[in-house]
Amino acid sequence: MTETEPQPNALETVNSSNAVTNCKLIRQNSPSIKQISSVVDETVHALLTNDIVRAKKFVDEHWSTNPKMALLSALLTYINAISSHDDSELTHSLNVVWATESIGSKLSYSPDPADALTGTLIQADTHLLGSMIQVIQESYVKALLNLRRSFSFYKQAQQQLKAVTLSSEEYELLEGWCLFGVGFFGILLSFLPPTLLTIASWTFFACAKSREESIEMLHKSQRSKSFMSPFSALLLLSYYLTISSFTGLESEHDLQDAKRLLDWSDQHYPNGALFRLMESRYYRSRKELRHAIEIVENAVNDVKDLPSV
């Protein structure tokens, strides 16, 4: 197969102030943030129900007027890069991630508190995505530094959220986003050996939450109306059905929680391949191996003909 150069993404050359200005114009002309959030929710729904073409269409149409859509564009290029295992795609994805980070950086200085918080959280997410790409590229020092920056931005956003006045709708959307990030890092750090955890807590990741607090944060994020809700559900399912299994911490309570999340995902993201793969792990944990294999086969069949994002 002949290798091709990755297609250029407008985010790599965009003047990030354009996206910030356009976001402000949308907010000024809208009676609420629903008109901004709905397209984000539709894009996430398309992505998690295997409709990649529709998700990419939404991203291409709206990334320049909605910074959250620019973030989803970075996510799509990341998924494409790790799927292809191609060095040029990884570099391309990292360029898009840092272009999106620049949008978040400028937006974080907005006088509007909701926009400023959105900017901080975009910075947090892009540094997290960037670090994951750098791990694949074996740039471990850079990855660690960007993980640290990501954690700092999530904590900063959490503090901002407590200090500003927002509508109840804005507060719930942004709180769910904050809880995802802080909860993610809490679970990640909780599996470090005690000595390393102490060092991390005193140096790179001060004030990280305990595992129990982090799990509760992710549950609260999943129950929120934030576009991060399904990603919190996937992270919880990964903890309950993969991490706990490998570490010997799996319990009946965890499996019951996982089943509730799977029932929720079936209602909101029917036939979503990622959720179905988690469902197969659930039935594997229940020793129903034939059913688990059947679910995996169906999930693979649903996505085998999907185009690259």
Foldseek 3Di string as FASTA:
>chain_A
DDDDADDADVLLPDPLVQQLVLQVVVCVPDPDCCVVVVLLLVLLLCVQQQNPVVNVVSLVVPVRNHLSSLLVVLVQLLVLCVVVVDPNSLVSSLSSLVSSLVNLVVQLPDPPLLSVLVSLLSNLSSLQSNLVSVVSVVVNVSSLVSPLSSLVSLVVSVVSLVVDDDDPQSSLQSQLSSLLSLLVVQLVLQPDPPVVSVVCCVPRRPPRDHNVVSLVSLVSSLPTPHSCNVVSLLVLLCVQQPVCVVVVNHDPVSLVVNVVSLVVCCVRRNLRLSSLLSVLSSVVVVVVNVVSVVSNVSSCVSNVPPDRD
